[in-house]
């Protein structure tokens, strides 16, 4: 009897979640409203976008009006592309931070932020740091990657110095990839 009750509860939950996955009832009038903020700055507020493309930890996402409500972790070193009615794409590089444990030889990336897609076709993007792609300096990133590579391969360097150089190298490589977008 207990098993049967549990099975009915699981089926009910599965049916409820399957029904919840559709955004057809949102009725936004085909408009996606975007809020894009950093802890110290609001980049866009109540901006009308046609589509927003993000790189999340689950993969690339294209977000339109009436998208299924979702919370997505932004990919570290990813690019956010905003397409508006003026046909002028806006692209932002989402920077990331690394935690370097005092005793560990590896670093851990800290989330670049989150994108929250709401049932009313509003999209809130909160990032730790973001820079417009056109403001990235590819030449400086190339020089930084070369210097970090040299530090990583330097004989006599401590493991901590090598780990810090690896973090720098990964960041510069991400900047170079974003600058080519």
N, C-alpha and C. Protein backbone atom coordinates (compact mmCIF):
# COMPACT_ATOMS: atom_id res chain seq x y z
N UNK A 1 0.82 -1.20 0.00
CA UNK A 1 0.00 0.00 0.00
C UNK A 1 0.87 1.26 0.00
N UNK A 2 1.91 1.26 0.83
CA UNK A 2 2.80 2.40 0.89
C UNK A 2 3.50 2.62 -0.46
N UNK A 3 3.93 1.51 -1.08
CA UNK A 3 4.58 1.60 -2.38
C UNK A 3 3.63 2.20 -3.41
N UNK A 4 2.36 1.76 -3.40
CA UNK A 4 1.37 2.28 -4.35
C UNK A 4 1.15 3.78 -4.14
N UNK A 5 1.09 4.23 -2.89
CA UNK A 5 0.92 5.67 -2.61
C UNK A 5 2.12 6.46 -3.11
N UNK A 6 3.32 5.92 -2.90
CA UNK A 6 4.52 6.60 -3.38
C UNK A 6 4.55 6.67 -4.89
N UNK A 7 4.12 5.59 -5.55
CA UNK A 7 4.08 5.56 -7.01
C UNK A 7 3.10 6.59 -7.56
N UNK A 8 1.94 6.71 -6.93
CA UNK A 8 0.95 7.70 -7.35
C UNK A 8 1.50 9.11 -7.16
N UNK A 9 2.20 9.34 -6.04
CA UNK A 9 2.78 10.66 -5.79
C UNK A 9 3.84 10.99 -6.82
N UNK A 10 4.67 10.02 -7.18
CA UNK A 10 5.71 10.24 -8.19
C UNK A 10 5.08 10.54 -9.54
N UNK A 11 4.06 9.78 -9.92
CA UNK A 11 3.38 10.05 -11.20
C UNK A 11 2.74 11.43 -11.21
N UNK A 12 2.13 11.82 -10.11
CA UNK A 12 1.51 13.15 -10.04
C UNK A 12 2.55 14.24 -10.19
N UNK A 13 3.69 14.07 -9.51
CA UNK A 13 4.76 15.06 -9.62
C UNK A 13 5.31 15.11 -11.03
N UNK A 14 5.45 13.96 -11.67
CA UNK A 14 5.96 13.93 -13.05
C UNK A 14 5.00 14.62 -13.99
N UNK A 15 3.71 14.40 -13.84
CA UNK A 15 2.72 15.07 -14.70
C UNK A 15 2.72 16.57 -14.46
N UNK A 16 2.85 16.99 -13.19
CA UNK A 16 2.87 18.41 -12.89
C UNK A 16 4.09 19.07 -13.51
N UNK A 17 5.28 18.44 -13.35
CA UNK A 17 6.48 19.06 -13.89
C UNK A 17 6.46 19.08 -15.41
N UNK A 18 5.87 18.07 -16.05
CA UNK A 18 5.78 18.06 -17.51
C UNK A 18 4.88 19.19 -17.99
N UNK A 19 3.79 19.44 -17.28
CA UNK A 19 2.92 20.54 -17.65
C UNK A 19 3.60 21.89 -17.43
N UNK A 20 4.43 22.00 -16.43
CA UNK A 20 5.08 23.25 -16.07
C UNK A 20 6.17 23.64 -17.07
N UNK A 21 6.64 22.71 -17.87
CA UNK A 21 7.74 22.98 -18.78
C UNK A 21 7.34 23.79 -20.01
N UNK A 22 6.07 24.06 -20.21
CA UNK A 22 5.63 24.81 -21.38
C UNK A 22 5.40 26.27 -21.02
N UNK A 23 5.81 27.16 -21.90
CA UNK A 23 5.70 28.60 -21.62
C UNK A 23 4.60 29.24 -22.44
N UNK A 24 3.69 28.46 -22.97
CA UNK A 24 2.66 28.99 -23.86
C UNK A 24 1.69 29.92 -23.15
N UNK A 25 1.60 29.85 -21.83
CA UNK A 25 0.65 30.68 -21.10
C UNK A 25 1.24 32.01 -20.67
N UNK A 26 2.51 32.24 -20.96
CA UNK A 26 3.18 33.44 -20.47
C UNK A 26 2.59 34.72 -21.07
N UNK A 27 2.31 34.73 -22.35
CA UNK A 27 1.65 35.86 -22.98
C UNK A 27 2.36 37.18 -22.82
N UNK A 28 3.57 37.31 -23.28
CA UNK A 28 4.32 38.55 -23.12
C UNK A 28 4.14 39.51 -24.29
N UNK A 29 3.38 39.09 -25.28
CA UNK A 29 3.25 39.93 -26.46
C UNK A 29 4.49 39.87 -27.34
N UNK A 30 5.30 38.84 -27.18
CA UNK A 30 6.48 38.66 -28.02
C UNK A 30 7.66 39.54 -27.66
N UNK A 31 7.67 40.12 -26.46
CA UNK A 31 8.75 41.01 -26.07
C UNK A 31 9.55 40.39 -24.92
N UNK A 32 10.85 40.43 -25.06
CA UNK A 32 11.77 39.96 -24.03
C UNK A 32 12.35 41.19 -23.35
N UNK A 33 12.13 41.30 -22.05
CA UNK A 33 12.63 42.44 -21.27
C UNK A 33 13.88 42.01 -20.53
N UNK A 34 14.99 42.71 -20.74
CA UNK A 34 16.28 42.33 -20.19
C UNK A 34 16.77 43.32 -19.15
N UNK A 35 17.22 42.77 -18.02
CA UNK A 35 17.94 43.52 -17.00
C UNK A 35 19.30 42.84 -16.86
N UNK A 36 20.37 43.60 -17.02
CA UNK A 36 21.72 43.05 -16.98
C UNK A 36 22.51 43.90 -15.98
N UNK A 37 22.92 43.28 -14.87
CA UNK A 37 23.55 44.04 -13.80
C UNK A 37 24.79 43.35 -13.26
N UNK A 38 25.71 44.19 -12.81
CA UNK A 38 26.91 43.78 -12.08
C UNK A 38 26.75 44.31 -10.67
N UNK A 39 27.54 43.86 -9.73
CA UNK A 39 27.40 44.39 -8.36
C UNK A 39 27.58 45.90 -8.26
N UNK A 40 28.38 46.48 -9.14
CA UNK A 40 28.69 47.90 -9.08
C UNK A 40 28.08 48.73 -10.21
N UNK A 41 27.31 48.09 -11.12
CA UNK A 41 26.83 48.82 -12.30
C UNK A 41 25.62 48.10 -12.92
N UNK A 42 24.68 48.88 -13.39
CA UNK A 42 23.59 48.34 -14.19
C UNK A 42 23.94 48.59 -15.65
N UNK A 43 24.09 47.53 -16.42
CA UNK A 43 24.45 47.67 -17.83
C UNK A 43 23.22 47.97 -18.66
N UNK A 44 22.16 47.20 -18.48
CA UNK A 44 20.89 47.43 -19.18
C UNK A 44 19.75 47.24 -18.20
N UNK A 45 18.76 48.11 -18.28
CA UNK A 45 17.59 48.01 -17.40
C UNK A 45 16.33 48.11 -18.24
N UNK A 46 15.48 47.11 -18.11
CA UNK A 46 14.21 47.04 -18.83
C UNK A 46 14.42 47.27 -20.33
N UNK A 47 15.44 46.62 -20.87
CA UNK A 47 15.82 46.74 -22.28
C UNK A 47 15.03 45.73 -23.10
N UNK A 48 14.44 46.19 -24.19
CA UNK A 48 13.67 45.30 -25.05
C UNK A 48 14.60 44.61 -26.05
N UNK A 49 14.72 43.30 -25.90
CA UNK A 49 15.59 42.51 -26.77
C UNK A 49 14.74 41.55 -27.60
N UNK A 50 15.24 41.22 -28.77
CA UNK A 50 14.59 40.20 -29.60
C UNK A 50 15.08 38.83 -29.17
N UNK A 51 16.39 38.72 -28.91
CA UNK A 51 16.99 37.46 -28.51
C UNK A 51 18.24 37.75 -27.70
N UNK A 52 18.51 36.89 -26.73
CA UNK A 52 19.74 36.96 -25.95
C UNK A 52 20.38 35.58 -26.01
N UNK A 53 21.63 35.53 -26.42
CA UNK A 53 22.39 34.28 -26.48
C UNK A 53 23.40 34.28 -25.35
N UNK A 54 23.38 33.21 -24.56
CA UNK A 54 24.32 33.11 -23.45
C UNK A 54 25.06 31.78 -23.53
N UNK A 55 26.22 31.76 -22.92
CA UNK A 55 26.96 30.52 -22.73
C UNK A 55 26.80 30.17 -21.26
N UNK A 56 26.13 29.04 -21.02
CA UNK A 56 25.89 28.62 -19.64
C UNK A 56 26.70 27.38 -19.33
N UNK A 57 26.69 26.99 -18.07
CA UNK A 57 27.41 25.79 -17.66
C UNK A 57 26.79 24.54 -18.29
N UNK A 58 25.55 24.64 -18.76
CA UNK A 58 24.86 23.52 -19.41
C UNK A 58 25.00 23.55 -20.92
N UNK A 59 25.57 24.61 -21.46
CA UNK A 59 25.72 24.75 -22.91
C UNK A 59 25.20 26.09 -23.37
N UNK A 60 25.23 26.31 -24.67
CA UNK A 60 24.76 27.58 -25.25
C UNK A 60 23.24 27.62 -25.24
N UNK A 61 22.70 28.82 -24.98
CA UNK A 61 21.25 29.00 -24.95
C UNK A 61 20.88 30.24 -25.76
N UNK A 62 19.85 30.12 -26.57
CA UNK A 62 19.25 31.26 -27.24
C UNK A 62 17.92 31.53 -26.57
N UNK A 63 17.74 32.73 -26.04
CA UNK A 63 16.55 33.05 -25.26
C UNK A 63 15.70 34.04 -26.02
N UNK A 64 14.45 33.67 -26.24
CA UNK A 64 13.45 34.51 -26.90
C UNK A 64 12.33 34.81 -25.91
N UNK A 65 11.40 35.67 -26.29
CA UNK A 65 10.22 35.91 -25.47
C UNK A 65 9.47 34.60 -25.29
N UNK A 66 8.80 34.45 -24.18
CA UNK A 66 8.01 33.26 -23.83
C UNK A 66 8.87 32.01 -23.69
N UNK A 67 10.14 32.19 -23.36
CA UNK A 67 11.03 31.05 -23.10
C UNK A 67 10.58 30.34 -21.82
N UNK A 68 10.86 29.08 -21.73
CA UNK A 68 10.57 28.32 -20.52
C UNK A 68 11.32 28.95 -19.35
N UNK A 69 10.65 29.18 -18.23
CA UNK A 69 11.36 29.73 -17.07
C UNK A 69 12.53 28.83 -16.67
N UNK A 70 13.68 29.45 -16.49
CA UNK A 70 14.91 28.71 -16.26
C UNK A 70 15.87 29.56 -15.43
N UNK A 71 16.72 28.88 -14.67
CA UNK A 71 17.86 29.54 -14.02
C UNK A 71 19.10 28.85 -14.57
N UNK A 72 20.01 29.64 -15.14
CA UNK A 72 21.22 29.08 -15.74
C UNK A 72 22.45 29.77 -15.18
N UNK A 73 23.45 28.97 -14.84
CA UNK A 73 24.73 29.52 -14.40
C UNK A 73 25.52 29.92 -15.64
N UNK A 74 25.99 31.15 -15.67
CA UNK A 74 26.77 31.62 -16.81
C UNK A 74 28.11 30.90 -16.87
N UNK A 75 28.53 30.61 -18.08
CA UNK A 75 29.83 29.95 -18.27
C UNK A 75 30.93 30.94 -17.95
N UNK A 76 31.96 30.45 -17.29
CA UNK A 76 33.11 31.30 -16.98
C UNK A 76 33.84 31.66 -18.26
N UNK A 77 34.08 32.92 -18.45
CA UNK A 77 34.77 33.38 -19.66
C UNK A 77 33.88 33.28 -20.89
N UNK A 78 32.57 33.32 -20.70
CA UNK A 78 31.64 33.21 -21.82
C UNK A 78 31.24 34.57 -22.36
N UNK A 79 30.51 34.54 -23.46
CA UNK A 79 30.05 35.77 -24.11
C UNK A 79 28.53 35.80 -24.06
N UNK A 80 27.99 36.97 -23.75
CA UNK A 80 26.56 37.22 -23.80
C UNK A 80 26.32 38.10 -25.02
N UNK A 81 25.43 37.65 -25.90
CA UNK A 81 25.11 38.42 -27.11
C UNK A 81 23.66 38.85 -27.02
N UNK A 82 23.42 40.14 -27.18
CA UNK A 82 22.07 40.70 -27.08
C UNK A 82 21.68 41.26 -28.44
N UNK A 83 20.59 40.76 -28.98
CA UNK A 83 20.08 41.22 -30.27
C UNK A 83 18.82 42.04 -30.02
N UNK A 84 18.80 43.27 -30.54
CA UNK A 84 17.67 44.17 -30.33
C UNK A 84 17.07 44.55 -31.68
N UNK A 85 15.98 45.29 -31.62
CA UNK A 85 15.28 45.70 -32.84
C UNK A 85 16.13 46.59 -33.73
N UNK A 86 17.12 47.28 -33.18
CA UNK A 86 17.97 48.16 -33.99
C UNK A 86 19.03 47.39 -34.79
N UNK A 87 19.01 46.05 -34.71
CA UNK A 87 19.95 45.18 -35.43
C UNK A 87 21.40 45.44 -35.08
N UNK A 88 21.63 46.05 -33.94
CA UNK A 88 23.00 46.30 -33.48
C UNK A 88 23.28 45.32 -32.33
N UNK A 89 24.01 44.24 -32.63
CA UNK A 89 24.28 43.28 -31.54
C UNK A 89 25.20 43.88 -30.48
N UNK A 90 24.89 43.56 -29.25
CA UNK A 90 25.73 43.98 -28.12
C UNK A 90 26.32 42.72 -27.52
N UNK A 91 27.64 42.69 -27.37
CA UNK A 91 28.31 41.50 -26.85
C UNK A 91 29.13 41.86 -25.63
N UNK A 92 29.04 41.01 -24.62
CA UNK A 92 29.76 41.22 -23.37
C UNK A 92 30.52 39.95 -23.00
N UNK A 93 31.74 40.13 -22.57
CA UNK A 93 32.57 39.04 -22.06
C UNK A 93 32.34 38.97 -20.56
N UNK A 94 31.92 37.81 -20.07
CA UNK A 94 31.69 37.63 -18.64
C UNK A 94 32.98 37.12 -18.02
N UNK A 95 33.58 37.98 -17.23
CA UNK A 95 34.84 37.61 -16.58
C UNK A 95 34.56 36.69 -15.41
N UNK A 96 35.58 36.06 -14.94
CA UNK A 96 35.43 35.18 -13.80
C UNK A 96 36.61 35.33 -12.86
N UNK A 97 36.41 34.81 -11.68
CA UNK A 97 37.42 34.87 -10.64
C UNK A 97 37.86 33.44 -10.32
N UNK A 98 39.02 33.30 -9.73
CA UNK A 98 39.49 31.98 -9.31
C UNK A 98 39.83 32.02 -7.83
N UNK A 99 39.55 30.92 -7.17
CA UNK A 99 39.96 30.75 -5.79
C UNK A 99 41.23 29.92 -5.81
N UNK A 100 42.26 30.43 -5.21
CA UNK A 100 43.51 29.68 -5.12
C UNK A 100 43.71 29.23 -3.67
N UNK A 101 43.38 27.97 -3.36
CA UNK A 101 43.59 27.50 -1.99
C UNK A 101 45.08 27.60 -1.64
N UNK A 102 45.36 27.88 -0.39
CA UNK A 102 46.74 28.09 0.04
C UNK A 102 47.60 26.84 -0.14
N UNK A 103 47.00 25.66 0.02
CA UNK A 103 47.79 24.44 -0.05
C UNK A 103 47.57 23.64 -1.32
N UNK A 104 46.51 23.95 -2.06
CA UNK A 104 46.20 23.15 -3.25
C UNK A 104 47.02 23.62 -4.44
N UNK A 105 47.18 22.72 -5.39
CA UNK A 105 47.92 23.06 -6.60
C UNK A 105 46.99 23.40 -7.75
N UNK A 106 45.70 23.35 -7.52
CA UNK A 106 44.76 23.67 -8.59
C UNK A 106 43.85 24.80 -8.14
N UNK A 107 43.24 25.44 -9.09
CA UNK A 107 42.34 26.54 -8.79
C UNK A 107 40.92 26.14 -9.12
N UNK A 108 39.98 26.84 -8.53
CA UNK A 108 38.57 26.56 -8.77
C UNK A 108 37.90 27.81 -9.30
N UNK A 109 37.20 27.73 -10.44
CA UNK A 109 36.53 28.92 -10.93
C UNK A 109 35.30 29.25 -10.10
N UNK A 110 35.07 30.51 -9.88
CA UNK A 110 33.88 30.98 -9.21
C UNK A 110 32.91 31.41 -10.30
N UNK A 111 31.64 31.16 -10.10
CA UNK A 111 30.64 31.46 -11.12
C UNK A 111 30.76 32.87 -11.64
N UNK A 112 30.59 33.00 -12.95
CA UNK A 112 30.56 34.31 -13.57
C UNK A 112 29.23 35.01 -13.32
N UNK A 113 28.22 34.25 -12.92
CA UNK A 113 26.91 34.83 -12.65
C UNK A 113 25.78 33.90 -13.04
N UNK A 114 24.57 34.47 -13.08
CA UNK A 114 23.38 33.68 -13.39
C UNK A 114 22.46 34.44 -14.34
N UNK A 115 21.73 33.67 -15.13
CA UNK A 115 20.65 34.22 -15.97
C UNK A 115 19.36 33.60 -15.46
N UNK A 116 18.39 34.44 -15.16
CA UNK A 116 17.11 33.97 -14.64
C UNK A 116 16.03 34.39 -15.63
N UNK A 117 15.40 33.37 -16.24
CA UNK A 117 14.34 33.61 -17.21
C UNK A 117 13.02 33.43 -16.47
N UNK A 118 12.22 34.48 -16.43
CA UNK A 118 10.96 34.48 -15.68
C UNK A 118 9.77 34.17 -16.58
N UNK A 119 8.66 33.72 -15.99
CA UNK A 119 7.47 33.39 -16.79
C UNK A 119 6.89 34.58 -17.57
N UNK A 120 7.16 35.82 -17.12
CA UNK A 120 6.63 37.00 -17.80
C UNK A 120 7.54 37.50 -18.92
N UNK A 121 8.46 36.66 -19.39
CA UNK A 121 9.41 36.99 -20.47
C UNK A 121 10.38 38.09 -20.07
N UNK A 122 10.66 38.19 -18.80
CA UNK A 122 11.75 39.07 -18.38
C UNK A 122 12.96 38.18 -18.11
N UNK A 123 14.12 38.72 -18.41
CA UNK A 123 15.38 38.01 -18.24
C UNK A 123 16.29 38.87 -17.39
N UNK A 124 16.75 38.31 -16.27
CA UNK A 124 17.67 39.01 -15.39
C UNK A 124 19.02 38.31 -15.47
N UNK A 125 20.03 39.05 -15.87
CA UNK A 125 21.39 38.52 -15.91
C UNK A 125 22.20 39.27 -14.85
N UNK A 126 22.73 38.51 -13.91
CA UNK A 126 23.56 39.06 -12.85
C UNK A 126 24.94 38.43 -12.98
N UNK A 127 25.94 39.24 -13.20
CA UNK A 127 27.30 38.74 -13.39
C UNK A 127 28.24 39.40 -12.40
N UNK A 128 29.31 38.70 -12.07
CA UNK A 128 30.32 39.25 -11.18
C UNK A 128 31.03 40.41 -11.86
N UNK A 129 31.40 40.22 -13.13
CA UNK A 129 32.06 41.26 -13.91
C UNK A 129 31.80 40.99 -15.38
N UNK A 130 31.64 42.02 -16.16
CA UNK A 130 31.45 41.89 -17.61
C UNK A 130 32.06 43.10 -18.30
N UNK A 131 32.57 42.85 -19.50
CA UNK A 131 33.20 43.90 -20.29
C UNK A 131 32.66 43.79 -21.71
N UNK A 132 32.36 44.92 -22.32
CA UNK A 132 31.92 44.91 -23.73
C UNK A 132 33.04 44.30 -24.57
N UNK A 133 32.68 43.40 -25.47
CA UNK A 133 33.68 42.71 -26.29
C UNK A 133 34.54 43.70 -27.08
N UNK A 134 33.94 44.79 -27.55
CA UNK A 134 34.72 45.75 -28.32
C UNK A 134 35.77 46.47 -27.46
N UNK A 135 35.64 46.40 -26.13
CA UNK A 135 36.62 47.01 -25.24
C UNK A 135 37.78 46.08 -24.88
N UNK A 136 37.70 44.82 -25.32
CA UNK A 136 38.79 43.88 -25.04
C UNK A 136 40.00 44.21 -25.90
N UNK A 137 41.18 44.10 -25.32
CA UNK A 137 42.43 44.38 -26.02
C UNK A 137 43.11 43.05 -26.33
N UNK A 138 42.93 42.57 -27.56
CA UNK A 138 43.46 41.26 -27.95
C UNK A 138 44.99 41.23 -27.89
N UNK A 139 45.62 42.32 -28.26
CA UNK A 139 47.09 42.34 -28.24
C UNK A 139 47.62 42.24 -26.81
N UNK A 140 46.99 42.95 -25.89
CA UNK A 140 47.41 42.87 -24.48
C UNK A 140 47.14 41.47 -23.94
N UNK A 141 46.03 40.86 -24.34
CA UNK A 141 45.71 39.49 -23.90
C UNK A 141 46.72 38.50 -24.46
N UNK A 142 47.14 38.70 -25.70
CA UNK A 142 48.14 37.81 -26.32
C UNK A 142 49.47 37.91 -25.57
N UNK A 143 49.88 39.14 -25.26
CA UNK A 143 51.12 39.33 -24.50
C UNK A 143 51.00 38.73 -23.10
N UNK A 144 49.84 38.92 -22.47
CA UNK A 144 49.61 38.35 -21.14
C UNK A 144 49.64 36.83 -21.16
N UNK A 145 49.06 36.22 -22.20
CA UNK A 145 49.08 34.75 -22.32
C UNK A 145 50.51 34.25 -22.50
N UNK A 146 51.29 34.95 -23.31
CA UNK A 146 52.69 34.56 -23.52
C UNK A 146 53.49 34.65 -22.21
N UNK A 147 53.28 35.73 -21.47
CA UNK A 147 53.99 35.91 -20.20
C UNK A 147 53.55 34.84 -19.18
N UNK A 148 52.26 34.56 -19.12
CA UNK A 148 51.76 33.54 -18.20
C UNK A 148 52.30 32.16 -18.56
N UNK A 149 52.38 31.89 -19.86
CA UNK A 149 52.93 30.61 -20.31
C UNK A 149 54.40 30.48 -19.90
N UNK A 150 55.13 31.57 -20.03
CA UNK A 150 56.54 31.57 -19.62
C UNK A 150 56.67 31.28 -18.12
N UNK A 151 55.79 31.91 -17.31
CA UNK A 151 55.82 31.69 -15.86
C UNK A 151 55.45 30.24 -15.51
N UNK A 152 54.48 29.68 -16.23
CA UNK A 152 54.05 28.30 -15.95
C UNK A 152 55.19 27.31 -16.19
N UNK A 153 56.02 27.58 -17.19
CA UNK A 153 57.07 26.66 -17.58
C UNK A 153 58.44 27.02 -17.00
N UNK A 154 58.48 28.04 -16.16
CA UNK A 154 59.75 28.49 -15.59
C UNK A 154 60.29 27.46 -14.60
N UNK A 155 61.55 27.13 -14.76
CA UNK A 155 62.18 26.22 -13.80
C UNK A 155 62.45 27.00 -12.52
N UNK A 156 62.28 26.34 -11.40
CA UNK A 156 62.51 26.99 -10.13
C UNK A 156 61.31 27.73 -9.58
N UNK A 157 60.23 27.83 -10.36
CA UNK A 157 59.03 28.51 -9.88
C UNK A 157 58.30 27.59 -8.89
N UNK A 158 57.72 28.19 -7.87
CA UNK A 158 56.98 27.40 -6.88
C UNK A 158 55.67 26.90 -7.50
N UNK A 159 55.08 25.91 -6.87
CA UNK A 159 53.80 25.38 -7.35
C UNK A 159 52.72 26.46 -7.29
N UNK A 160 52.78 27.31 -6.28
CA UNK A 160 51.81 28.40 -6.16
C UNK A 160 51.96 29.37 -7.33
N UNK A 161 53.20 29.72 -7.67
CA UNK A 161 53.44 30.63 -8.79
C UNK A 161 52.96 30.02 -10.11
N UNK A 162 53.19 28.71 -10.27
CA UNK A 162 52.73 28.03 -11.48
C UNK A 162 51.21 27.99 -11.55
N UNK A 163 50.56 27.77 -10.42
CA UNK A 163 49.09 27.74 -10.39
C UNK A 163 48.52 29.12 -10.72
N UNK A 164 49.11 30.17 -10.17
CA UNK A 164 48.66 31.53 -10.47
C UNK A 164 48.88 31.85 -11.95
N UNK A 165 50.00 31.40 -12.50
CA UNK A 165 50.27 31.63 -13.93
C UNK A 165 49.27 30.88 -14.80
N UNK A 166 48.88 29.68 -14.37
CA UNK A 166 47.90 28.91 -15.14
C UNK A 166 46.54 29.63 -15.16
N UNK A 167 46.16 30.21 -14.01
CA UNK A 167 44.92 30.97 -13.94
C UNK A 167 44.98 32.16 -14.89
N UNK A 168 46.10 32.89 -14.87
CA UNK A 168 46.27 34.02 -15.77
C UNK A 168 46.18 33.57 -17.23
N UNK A 169 46.85 32.47 -17.55
CA UNK A 169 46.86 31.96 -18.91
C UNK A 169 45.44 31.62 -19.37
N UNK A 170 44.67 30.94 -18.52
CA UNK A 170 43.29 30.57 -18.88
C UNK A 170 42.42 31.81 -19.10
N UNK A 171 42.61 32.82 -18.27
CA UNK A 171 41.84 34.06 -18.44
C UNK A 171 42.20 34.74 -19.75
N UNK A 172 43.48 34.86 -20.05
CA UNK A 172 43.90 35.50 -21.31
C UNK A 172 43.43 34.71 -22.52
N UNK A 173 43.45 33.40 -22.45
CA UNK A 173 42.94 32.57 -23.55
C UNK A 173 41.44 32.80 -23.75
N UNK A 174 40.69 32.92 -22.66
CA UNK A 174 39.25 33.19 -22.76
C UNK A 174 39.00 34.57 -23.38
N UNK A 175 39.81 35.55 -23.00
CA UNK A 175 39.68 36.89 -23.59
C UNK A 175 39.96 36.84 -25.08
N UNK A 176 41.00 36.12 -25.48
CA UNK A 176 41.33 36.01 -26.91
C UNK A 176 40.20 35.32 -27.68
N UNK A 177 39.61 34.28 -27.10
CA UNK A 177 38.50 33.60 -27.76
C UNK A 177 37.30 34.53 -27.90
N UNK A 178 37.02 35.32 -26.87
CA UNK A 178 35.89 36.25 -26.91
C UNK A 178 36.13 37.38 -27.90
N UNK A 179 37.36 37.83 -28.01
CA UNK A 179 37.70 38.93 -28.91
C UNK A 179 37.53 38.50 -30.39
N UNK A 180 37.58 37.21 -30.66
CA UNK A 180 37.41 36.71 -32.03
C UNK A 180 35.95 36.52 -32.39
N UNK A 181 35.06 36.59 -31.41
CA UNK A 181 33.63 36.36 -31.66
C UNK A 181 33.06 37.42 -32.56
